[in-house]
Amino acid sequence: MDNTIYKNRRNNLEKSLPENSVLLIPGADMQYRNADSAYAFRQDSSFYYFSGFSEPASLIAIVNNKEGISSIVFVQPKDKLKEIWDGNRAGPIGAVDEFLFDKAYDNTQIDTMMPDILSGSSQVLYAIGKKSGFDQKVIDWSTNASSKDRHSKSINIIDASSLIGNARLIKDEHEINLIRKACNISAEAHIEAMKNVKDVSSEQDIEGLYINEFSKRGGRFQAYTPIVAGGENACTLHYVENNQKLKKSDLLLVDAGCEYEMYASDITRTFPINGKFSKEQLKIYEIVLEAMNAAIDNVKPGNDIMKPQEISEKVITKGLVSLGLLDGDPDELHKKGAFKDFYMHKIGHWLGLDVHDAGDYMEGENYMKFKPGMITTIEPGIYISSSLDVDDKWKGIGIRIEDDILVTKNGNENLTKKVPSDPAEIESLMS
């Protein structure tokens, strides 16, 4: 990996950082499952975006002053004994030589050195409230920095969440290639699940299949806890128990995606466990698919990011009226939000280092416009729980379809189209 990518990202912050300011980006810490057994370490996404550095307990300070922009990183010190147990540490020298920081120090020096780094600055920026305990540290460092000289002005503390998130919002070619790879791995896993679901008996069996298919293709980690929901379990939007037996007559909704080299994918498919949609299942599925395709068609530069949402709502409302699940004029029902008993979530979210990636959805008072390099999920659904006042034949049907869409110069690219969403193609694959 060419680490100049990360150095260039740090340097590019000169365009958006206020003059005479310091941006702080803390890394992740080790997290423990129980006793001294740690979870596999996963670096904070924003820290990684600007560093490519995957060691815990680190901190970046990006200084923008009259001398230009420079980057300082605090990292774990070299420790021969600990490295025998836990692996190599880059140390401050490695952070400069390999990761191209301007300066680097042991993380044991943070509290001592940070007030000096902040001293004389007008502003300190960081993502407020994102890391436990960090807010107080910044306050303490800023207070100590301001007290070094009785004539110093106080340092303003500014939330950098939007600044950092919007820097990550437009993906470069390197990122797009990694996300495309993650999407391809996940698509192949979904295909394998469709082929094999008739031979398994539980949601947990399917979850295990996905984990194995991801891993053997290079996606060791899941991008999020998967949803493997048979039958009415699909009507619980964040169902993650994944422990129930499968009924052959039910649909199976699987929302699962791998992480590849830190980048996420996110795919949902709903398919018949016995390989054949029932009449009612197919009618609902076709409405969701129509909404999906119409929404994707509206992901293109210049369009309001809420346009796909509005389109999907209108298609679903009209479809529900055609089946008698809603009664009235589709336009009026849409204005009233009558669809929300069946379709209650947003159409999608940004995708990148996080499955729900950083980046704003508003520009000032208006919704953002799609721009080339953005990646969004598109995921309409219809959920008919047994608690709804509808004919029994519809109850227990929960359907969502989700693809990952890259905004291109002339439109979009569906990064997950490899896994079929057309019901005839699904049935053919499963036969």
Protein backbone atom coordinates (compact mmCIF):
# COMPACT_ATOMS: atom_id res chain seq x y z
CA MET A 1 0.00 0.00 0.00
CA ASP A 2 1.31 3.45 -0.95
CA ASN A 3 0.93 5.51 2.21
CA THR A 4 1.15 8.77 0.27
CA ILE A 5 -2.64 8.37 -0.15
CA TYR A 6 -3.08 9.02 3.57
CA LYS A 7 -0.50 11.81 3.69
CA ASN A 8 -2.29 13.54 0.81
CA ARG A 9 -5.60 13.25 2.65
CA ARG A 10 -4.06 14.96 5.67
CA ASN A 11 -2.53 17.69 3.54
CA ASN A 12 -5.80 18.28 1.70
CA LEU A 13 -7.37 19.32 5.01
CA GLU A 14 -5.57 22.65 4.58
CA LYS A 15 -8.47 23.61 2.26
CA SER A 16 -11.12 23.06 4.95
CA LEU A 17 -9.38 23.64 8.29
CA PRO A 18 -9.63 27.16 9.71
CA GLU A 19 -6.40 29.13 9.97
CA ASN A 20 -4.51 28.78 13.23
CA SER A 21 -6.34 25.61 14.27
CA VAL A 22 -5.61 22.03 15.33
CA LEU A 23 -7.70 19.02 14.33
CA LEU A 24 -7.57 16.05 16.69
CA ILE A 25 -8.50 12.53 15.54
CA PRO A 26 -8.27 9.82 18.22
CA GLY A 27 -7.79 6.20 17.28
CA ALA A 28 -9.62 3.23 18.74
CA ASP A 29 -8.58 1.39 21.92
CA MET A 30 -8.50 -2.33 22.55
CA GLN A 31 -11.88 -3.67 23.65
CA TYR A 32 -12.20 -6.73 25.87
CA ARG A 33 -14.85 -9.41 25.58
CA ASN A 34 -14.20 -10.91 28.99
CA ALA A 35 -11.32 -11.08 31.47
CA ASP A 36 -8.17 -10.52 29.38
CA SER A 37 -9.62 -11.86 26.12
CA ALA A 38 -9.76 -9.00 23.62
CA TYR A 39 -11.91 -8.57 20.55
CA ALA A 40 -10.02 -8.43 17.28
CA PHE A 41 -8.77 -4.84 17.05
CA ARG A 42 -10.51 -2.62 14.53
CA GLN A 43 -9.17 0.89 14.03
CA ASP A 44 -11.46 3.92 14.20
CA SER A 45 -12.60 4.61 10.65
CA SER A 46 -11.75 8.32 10.53
CA PHE A 47 -8.36 7.72 12.13
CA TYR A 48 -7.65 5.04 9.53
CA TYR A 49 -8.86 7.25 6.67
CA PHE A 50 -6.20 9.83 7.48
CA SER A 51 -3.41 7.46 8.52
CA GLY A 52 -3.66 3.88 7.24
CA PHE A 53 -2.36 3.02 10.72
CA SER A 54 -3.87 0.09 12.62
CA GLU A 55 -2.47 0.14 16.14
CA PRO A 56 -4.56 0.99 19.22
CA ALA A 57 -4.28 3.95 21.58
CA SER A 58 -3.07 6.43 18.98
CA LEU A 59 -3.90 10.09 18.34
CA ILE A 60 -3.43 12.40 15.34
CA ALA A 61 -3.03 16.17 15.63
CA ILE A 62 -3.19 18.05 12.33
CA VAL A 63 -1.91 21.60 12.77
CA ASN A 64 -2.80 24.39 10.34
CA ASN A 65 -0.88 27.60 11.07
CA LYS A 66 1.14 30.28 9.28
CA GLU A 67 3.81 27.71 8.44
CA GLY A 68 1.26 25.53 6.60
CA ILE A 69 -0.22 22.18 7.51
CA SER A 70 1.62 19.47 9.42
CA SER A 71 0.69 16.22 11.09
CA ILE A 72 1.74 14.80 14.44
CA VAL A 73 0.88 11.31 15.66
CA PHE A 74 1.18 9.71 19.05
CA VAL A 75 1.61 5.92 18.97
CA GLN A 76 2.47 3.03 21.26
CA PRO A 77 6.16 3.01 22.19
CA LYS A 78 8.37 0.19 21.05
CA ASP A 79 8.37 -2.58 23.66
CA LYS A 80 10.36 -5.75 23.02
CA LEU A 81 8.46 -7.93 25.50
CA LYS A 82 4.97 -6.80 24.46
CA GLU A 83 5.86 -7.19 20.80
CA ILE A 84 6.80 -10.83 21.43
CA TRP A 85 3.24 -11.42 22.64
CA ASP A 86 1.18 -9.06 20.50
CA GLY A 87 3.20 -8.37 17.37
CA ASN A 88 5.32 -5.58 15.96
CA ARG A 89 4.76 -1.94 16.81
CA ALA A 90 5.77 0.76 14.36
CA GLY A 91 6.79 3.13 17.14
CA PRO A 92 7.41 6.83 16.50
CA ILE A 93 10.21 6.18 14.02
CA GLY A 94 8.05 3.82 11.97
CA ALA A 95 5.15 6.27 12.07
CA VAL A 96 7.34 8.86 10.36
CA ASP A 97 9.28 6.56 8.02
CA GLU A 98 6.46 4.23 6.98
CA PHE A 99 3.30 6.28 7.47
CA LEU A 100 4.79 9.64 6.49
CA PHE A 101 3.77 11.71 9.50
CA ASP A 102 5.79 14.89 9.97
CA LYS A 103 6.39 14.13 13.65
CA ALA A 104 5.63 11.21 15.95
CA TYR A 105 5.90 10.59 19.69
CA ASP A 106 5.16 7.91 22.26
CA ASN A 107 1.52 8.00 23.36
CA THR A 108 2.75 8.23 26.96
CA GLN A 109 3.60 11.87 26.16
CA ILE A 110 0.14 13.00 25.02
CA ASP A 111 -0.94 14.78 28.21
CA THR A 112 2.43 16.48 28.56
CA MET A 113 2.80 17.64 24.96
CA MET A 114 -0.75 18.39 23.83
CA PRO A 115 -1.10 21.73 25.69
CA ASP A 116 2.07 22.93 23.94
CA ILE A 117 0.73 21.78 20.55
CA LEU A 118 -2.53 23.67 21.14
CA SER A 119 -0.92 26.76 22.64
CA GLY A 120 -1.48 29.86 20.49
CA SER A 121 -4.20 28.22 18.39
CA SER A 122 -7.57 29.88 17.95
CA GLN A 123 -9.52 26.67 17.61
CA VAL A 124 -9.26 22.98 18.38
CA LEU A 125 -11.53 20.76 16.33
CA TYR A 126 -12.56 17.16 16.90
CA ALA A 127 -15.65 14.95 16.63
CA ILE A 128 -17.44 15.91 19.83
CA GLY A 129 -19.06 13.08 21.78
CA LYS A 130 -17.75 10.27 19.61
CA LYS A 131 -15.16 8.75 21.96
CA SER A 132 -15.83 8.16 25.64
CA GLY A 133 -13.74 10.39 27.88
CA PHE A 134 -12.13 12.33 25.03
CA ASP A 135 -14.26 15.47 25.44
CA GLN A 136 -12.86 16.05 28.92
CA LYS A 137 -9.31 15.46 27.73
CA VAL A 138 -9.68 18.15 25.05
CA ILE A 139 -11.12 20.57 27.59
CA ASP A 140 -8.20 19.91 29.96
CA TRP A 141 -5.56 20.28 27.21
CA SER A 142 -7.18 23.48 25.92
CA THR A 143 -7.45 24.97 29.42
CA ASN A 144 -3.81 24.17 30.14
CA ALA A 145 -2.76 25.62 26.79
CA SER A 146 -4.64 28.88 27.40
CA SER A 147 -3.17 29.25 30.90
CA LYS A 148 0.42 29.13 29.66
CA ASP A 149 0.28 32.85 28.92
CA ARG A 150 -1.98 35.21 30.86
CA HIS A 151 -2.51 37.25 27.67
CA SER A 152 -3.58 34.24 25.61
CA LYS A 153 -7.11 34.08 24.28
CA SER A 154 -9.18 31.05 25.16
CA ILE A 155 -9.22 28.28 22.56
CA ASN A 156 -12.57 27.66 20.96
CA ILE A 157 -13.63 24.00 20.82
CA ILE A 158 -15.42 23.18 17.57
CA ASP A 159 -17.23 20.01 16.48
CA ALA A 160 -15.41 18.55 13.45
CA SER A 161 -17.89 15.73 12.74
CA SER A 162 -19.11 17.28 9.48
CA LEU A 163 -15.65 18.35 8.36
CA ILE A 164 -14.25 14.84 8.85
CA GLY A 165 -17.35 13.05 7.57
CA ASN A 166 -17.66 15.10 4.41
CA ALA A 167 -13.98 14.54 3.65
CA ARG A 168 -14.81 10.82 3.65
CA LEU A 169 -18.04 11.17 1.66
CA ILE A 170 -16.57 11.29 -1.87
CA LYS A 171 -14.68 8.07 -2.48
CA ASP A 172 -11.43 8.02 -4.43
CA GLU A 173 -10.45 5.28 -6.89
CA HIS A 174 -8.56 3.31 -4.23
CA GLU A 175 -11.62 3.23 -1.97
CA ILE A 176 -14.03 2.38 -4.79
CA ASN A 177 -11.91 -0.61 -5.77
CA LEU A 178 -11.90 -1.94 -2.20
CA ILE A 179 -15.65 -1.46 -1.84
CA ARG A 180 -16.23 -3.12 -5.21
CA LYS A 181 -14.22 -6.12 -3.97
CA ALA A 182 -16.21 -6.26 -0.72
CA CYS A 183 -19.45 -6.11 -2.70
CA ASN A 184 -18.35 -8.90 -5.01
CA ILE A 185 -17.44 -11.17 -2.08
CA SER A 186 -20.79 -10.51 -0.43
CA ALA A 187 -22.73 -11.02 -3.66
CA GLU A 188 -21.12 -14.44 -4.14
CA ALA A 189 -22.03 -15.38 -0.56
CA HIS A 190 -25.67 -14.44 -1.18
CA ILE A 191 -25.68 -16.58 -4.32
CA GLU A 192 -24.34 -19.54 -2.35
CA ALA A 193 -27.02 -19.04 0.31
CA MET A 194 -29.77 -19.11 -2.32
CA LYS A 195 -28.35 -22.30 -3.75
CA ASN A 196 -28.09 -24.04 -0.38
CA VAL A 197 -30.97 -22.78 1.76
CA LYS A 198 -33.17 -25.78 0.93
CA ASP A 199 -30.62 -28.04 2.61
CA VAL A 200 -30.39 -26.21 5.95
CA SER A 201 -32.79 -26.11 8.88
CA SER A 202 -32.15 -22.91 10.81
CA GLU A 203 -31.29 -19.23 10.55
CA GLN A 204 -28.05 -19.93 12.37
CA ASP A 205 -27.00 -22.43 9.70
CA ILE A 206 -27.40 -19.71 7.07
CA GLU A 207 -25.51 -17.19 9.17
CA GLY A 208 -22.62 -19.66 9.42
CA LEU A 209 -22.69 -20.18 5.66
CA TYR A 210 -22.27 -16.44 5.06
CA ILE A 211 -19.39 -16.14 7.51
CA ASN A 212 -17.60 -19.03 5.81
CA GLU A 213 -18.23 -17.73 2.28
CA PHE A 214 -16.99 -14.26 3.23
CA SER A 215 -13.88 -15.61 4.92
CA LYS A 216 -12.73 -17.96 2.21
CA ARG A 217 -12.91 -15.12 -0.33
CA GLY A 218 -10.82 -12.74 1.78
CA GLY A 219 -13.51 -10.99 3.85
CA ARG A 220 -12.58 -12.25 7.30
CA PHE A 221 -14.84 -9.81 9.14
CA GLN A 222 -18.50 -8.97 8.76
CA ALA A 223 -19.29 -5.31 8.16
CA TYR A 224 -22.14 -5.57 10.69
CA THR A 225 -24.13 -8.15 12.60
CA PRO A 226 -26.16 -9.92 9.90
CA ILE A 227 -29.93 -10.19 9.87
CA VAL A 228 -31.04 -13.73 9.01
CA ALA A 229 -34.80 -13.63 9.38
CA GLY A 230 -37.17 -16.41 8.44
CA GLY A 231 -40.88 -15.66 7.99
CA GLU A 232 -42.32 -12.98 10.23
CA ASN A 233 -38.95 -12.37 11.88
CA ALA A 234 -38.26 -10.23 8.80
CA CYS A 235 -40.87 -7.75 10.07
CA THR A 236 -38.50 -6.86 12.92
CA LEU A 237 -36.16 -4.48 11.12
CA HIS A 238 -33.07 -5.17 13.24
CA TYR A 239 -33.71 -8.83 14.03
CA VAL A 240 -30.33 -10.37 14.89
CA GLU A 241 -31.17 -13.38 17.08
CA ASN A 242 -30.73 -15.62 14.01
CA ASN A 243 -31.61 -18.75 16.00
CA GLN A 244 -35.00 -19.96 14.77
CA LYS A 245 -35.90 -23.00 12.70
CA LEU A 246 -36.83 -22.34 9.07
CA LYS A 247 -40.25 -23.16 7.64
CA LYS A 248 -40.15 -24.31 4.05
CA SER A 249 -43.18 -22.21 3.09
CA ASP A 250 -41.64 -18.98 4.43
CA LEU A 251 -39.43 -16.35 2.89
CA LEU A 252 -35.93 -15.77 4.24
CA LEU A 253 -34.63 -12.21 4.48
CA VAL A 254 -30.85 -11.93 4.78
CA ASP A 255 -29.12 -8.59 5.29
CA ALA A 256 -25.41 -9.41 5.31
CA GLY A 257 -22.18 -7.95 3.99
CA CYS A 258 -18.48 -8.46 4.57
CA GLU A 259 -15.74 -5.99 5.32
CA TYR A 260 -12.74 -6.12 3.01
CA GLU A 261 -9.56 -4.27 4.02
CA MET A 262 -11.63 -2.03 6.31
CA TYR A 263 -14.32 -1.22 3.71
CA ALA A 264 -17.93 -2.34 4.01
CA SER A 265 -20.54 -3.88 1.74
CA ASP A 266 -24.25 -4.15 2.50
CA ILE A 267 -26.66 -6.42 0.63
CA THR A 268 -30.15 -7.63 1.42
CA ARG A 269 -32.02 -10.30 -0.47
CA THR A 270 -35.31 -12.02 0.30
CA PHE A 271 -35.94 -15.43 -1.21
CA PRO A 272 -38.28 -18.43 -0.77
CA ILE A 273 -36.85 -21.15 1.42
CA ASN A 274 -38.43 -23.87 -0.74
CA GLY A 275 -37.23 -22.20 -3.96
CA LYS A 276 -40.63 -20.98 -5.16
CA PHE A 277 -42.49 -17.77 -4.28
CA SER A 278 -46.13 -18.19 -3.31
CA LYS A 279 -48.67 -16.02 -5.14
CA GLU A 280 -48.93 -13.56 -2.25
CA GLN A 281 -45.20 -13.47 -1.62
CA LEU A 282 -44.53 -12.76 -5.29
CA LYS A 283 -47.02 -9.89 -5.47
CA ILE A 284 -45.42 -8.12 -2.52
CA TYR A 285 -41.94 -8.88 -3.83
CA GLU A 286 -42.69 -7.37 -7.24
CA ILE A 287 -43.81 -4.10 -5.64
CA VAL A 288 -40.59 -3.86 -3.62
CA LEU A 289 -38.51 -4.66 -6.70
CA GLU A 290 -40.31 -2.00 -8.74
CA ALA A 291 -39.63 0.52 -5.97
CA MET A 292 -36.00 -0.58 -5.87
CA ASN A 293 -35.42 -0.16 -9.59
CA ALA A 294 -37.21 3.19 -9.72
CA ALA A 295 -35.18 4.47 -6.77
CA ILE A 296 -31.87 3.37 -8.31
CA ASP A 297 -32.78 5.14 -11.56
CA ASN A 298 -32.91 8.38 -9.58
CA VAL A 299 -29.43 8.04 -8.07
CA LYS A 300 -27.49 10.37 -10.35
CA PRO A 301 -25.51 13.61 -10.13
CA GLY A 302 -27.61 16.67 -9.41
CA ASN A 303 -30.59 14.79 -8.01
CA ASP A 304 -31.70 15.50 -4.47
CA ILE A 305 -30.63 12.57 -2.25
CA MET A 306 -34.24 12.26 -1.02
CA LYS A 307 -35.60 11.74 -4.54
CA PRO A 308 -35.15 7.93 -4.37
CA GLN A 309 -36.97 7.94 -1.02
CA GLU A 310 -39.95 9.79 -2.43
CA ILE A 311 -40.09 7.59 -5.55
CA SER A 312 -39.95 4.38 -3.49
CA GLU A 313 -42.74 5.59 -1.20
CA LYS A 314 -45.00 6.41 -4.13
CA VAL A 315 -44.40 3.08 -5.88
CA ILE A 316 -45.04 1.14 -2.67
CA THR A 317 -48.17 3.14 -1.84
CA LYS A 318 -49.61 2.54 -5.31
CA GLY A 319 -48.75 -1.15 -5.09
CA LEU A 320 -50.39 -1.56 -1.69
CA VAL A 321 -53.55 0.07 -3.03
CA SER A 322 -53.58 -2.29 -6.01
CA LEU A 323 -53.54 -5.27 -3.62
CA GLY A 324 -56.20 -3.83 -1.32
CA LEU A 325 -53.81 -3.39 1.58
CA LEU A 326 -54.44 0.34 1.47
CA ASP A 327 -57.69 1.97 0.40
CA GLY A 328 -57.92 5.35 -1.31
CA ASP A 329 -56.17 7.61 -3.78
CA PRO A 330 -52.44 6.73 -3.92
CA ASP A 331 -51.32 10.37 -4.09
CA GLU A 332 -53.41 11.37 -1.10
CA LEU A 333 -52.35 8.29 0.85
CA HIS A 334 -48.72 9.10 0.13
CA LYS A 335 -49.13 12.67 1.36
CA LYS A 336 -50.67 11.33 4.58
CA GLY A 337 -47.87 8.79 5.06
CA ALA A 338 -50.28 5.84 5.02
CA PHE A 339 -47.51 3.59 3.71
CA LYS A 340 -45.58 3.90 6.99
CA ASP A 341 -47.38 0.95 8.59
CA PHE A 342 -45.74 -1.20 5.90
CA TYR A 343 -42.60 0.77 4.91
CA MET A 344 -41.27 2.70 7.87
CA HIS A 345 -37.56 3.27 7.19
CA LYS A 346 -35.42 5.42 4.94
CA ILE A 347 -34.32 4.25 1.51
CA GLY A 348 -30.61 4.04 2.31
CA HIS A 349 -27.41 5.43 3.81
CA TRP A 350 -23.83 6.26 2.85
CA LEU A 351 -21.43 3.32 2.57
CA GLY A 352 -17.66 3.23 3.02
CA LEU A 353 -15.32 2.49 5.92
CA ASP A 354 -18.47 2.17 8.02
CA VAL A 355 -21.61 0.41 6.86
CA HIS A 356 -23.52 3.53 7.93
CA ASP A 357 -20.76 5.78 6.70
CA ALA A 358 -19.81 9.29 7.71
CA GLY A 359 -21.01 12.32 5.79
CA ASP A 360 -23.85 14.80 6.04
CA TYR A 361 -27.22 14.44 4.34
CA MET A 362 -27.91 18.18 4.36
CA GLU A 363 -26.15 21.14 2.75
CA GLY A 364 -27.30 24.15 4.72
CA GLU A 365 -31.08 24.06 4.81
CA ASN A 366 -31.43 21.70 1.84
CA TYR A 367 -30.85 18.04 1.22
CA MET A 368 -27.53 17.25 -0.41
CA LYS A 369 -27.31 16.55 -4.14
CA PHE A 370 -25.75 13.35 -5.40
CA LYS A 371 -22.15 13.79 -6.57
CA PRO A 372 -19.82 11.38 -8.39
CA GLY A 373 -17.89 9.24 -5.93
CA MET A 374 -20.67 8.94 -3.37
CA ILE A 375 -21.83 5.41 -2.53
CA THR A 376 -25.31 4.88 -1.12
CA THR A 377 -27.42 1.86 -0.35
CA ILE A 378 -30.90 1.60 -1.83
CA GLU A 379 -33.15 -0.66 0.25
CA PRO A 380 -36.94 -0.39 0.05
CA GLY A 381 -39.12 -2.90 1.87
CA ILE A 382 -42.62 -3.99 2.80
CA TYR A 383 -43.28 -5.58 6.19
CA ILE A 384 -46.68 -7.06 7.05
CA SER A 385 -46.68 -8.19 10.66
CA SER A 386 -49.48 -10.23 12.19
CA SER A 387 -50.52 -7.21 14.23
CA LEU A 388 -51.75 -5.34 11.15
CA ASP A 389 -55.43 -5.33 10.24
CA VAL A 390 -55.13 -7.09 6.88
CA ASP A 391 -56.27 -10.33 5.32
CA ASP A 392 -54.49 -13.30 6.90
CA LYS A 393 -52.97 -14.35 3.59
CA TRP A 394 -50.61 -11.36 3.71
CA LYS A 395 -49.54 -11.66 7.33
CA GLY A 396 -45.98 -12.62 8.13
CA ILE A 397 -44.52 -11.45 4.80
CA GLY A 398 -41.45 -9.25 5.22
CA ILE A 399 -39.43 -8.29 2.14
CA ARG A 400 -36.45 -5.98 1.66
CA ILE A 401 -34.06 -5.75 -1.30
CA GLU A 402 -30.83 -3.78 -1.01
CA ASP A 403 -28.01 -2.90 -3.39
CA ASP A 404 -24.95 -0.66 -3.11
CA ILE A 405 -24.92 2.15 -5.67
CA LEU A 406 -21.93 4.22 -6.78
CA VAL A 407 -22.74 7.64 -8.19
CA THR A 408 -20.84 8.11 -11.45
CA LYS A 409 -20.34 11.09 -13.75
CA ASN A 410 -23.22 10.06 -16.01
CA GLY A 411 -25.48 8.14 -13.63
CA ASN A 412 -24.68 5.22 -11.35
CA GLU A 413 -23.12 1.78 -11.08
CA ASN A 414 -24.81 -1.00 -9.12
CA LEU A 415 -21.90 -2.62 -7.27
CA THR A 416 -24.00 -5.59 -6.10
CA LYS A 417 -26.02 -6.47 -9.19
CA LYS A 418 -24.16 -9.79 -9.44
CA VAL A 419 -26.57 -11.35 -6.96
CA PRO A 420 -30.00 -11.69 -8.63
CA SER A 421 -32.99 -9.70 -7.44
CA ASP A 422 -35.40 -10.65 -10.23
CA PRO A 423 -37.75 -13.32 -8.80
CA ALA A 424 -37.56 -15.54 -11.89
CA GLU A 425 -33.76 -15.45 -11.74
CA ILE A 426 -33.82 -16.27 -8.04
CA GLU A 427 -36.11 -19.25 -8.58
CA SER A 428 -33.95 -20.46 -11.47
CA LEU A 429 -30.80 -20.18 -9.34
CA MET A 430 -32.46 -22.13 -6.53
CA SER A 431 -33.88 -24.92 -8.69
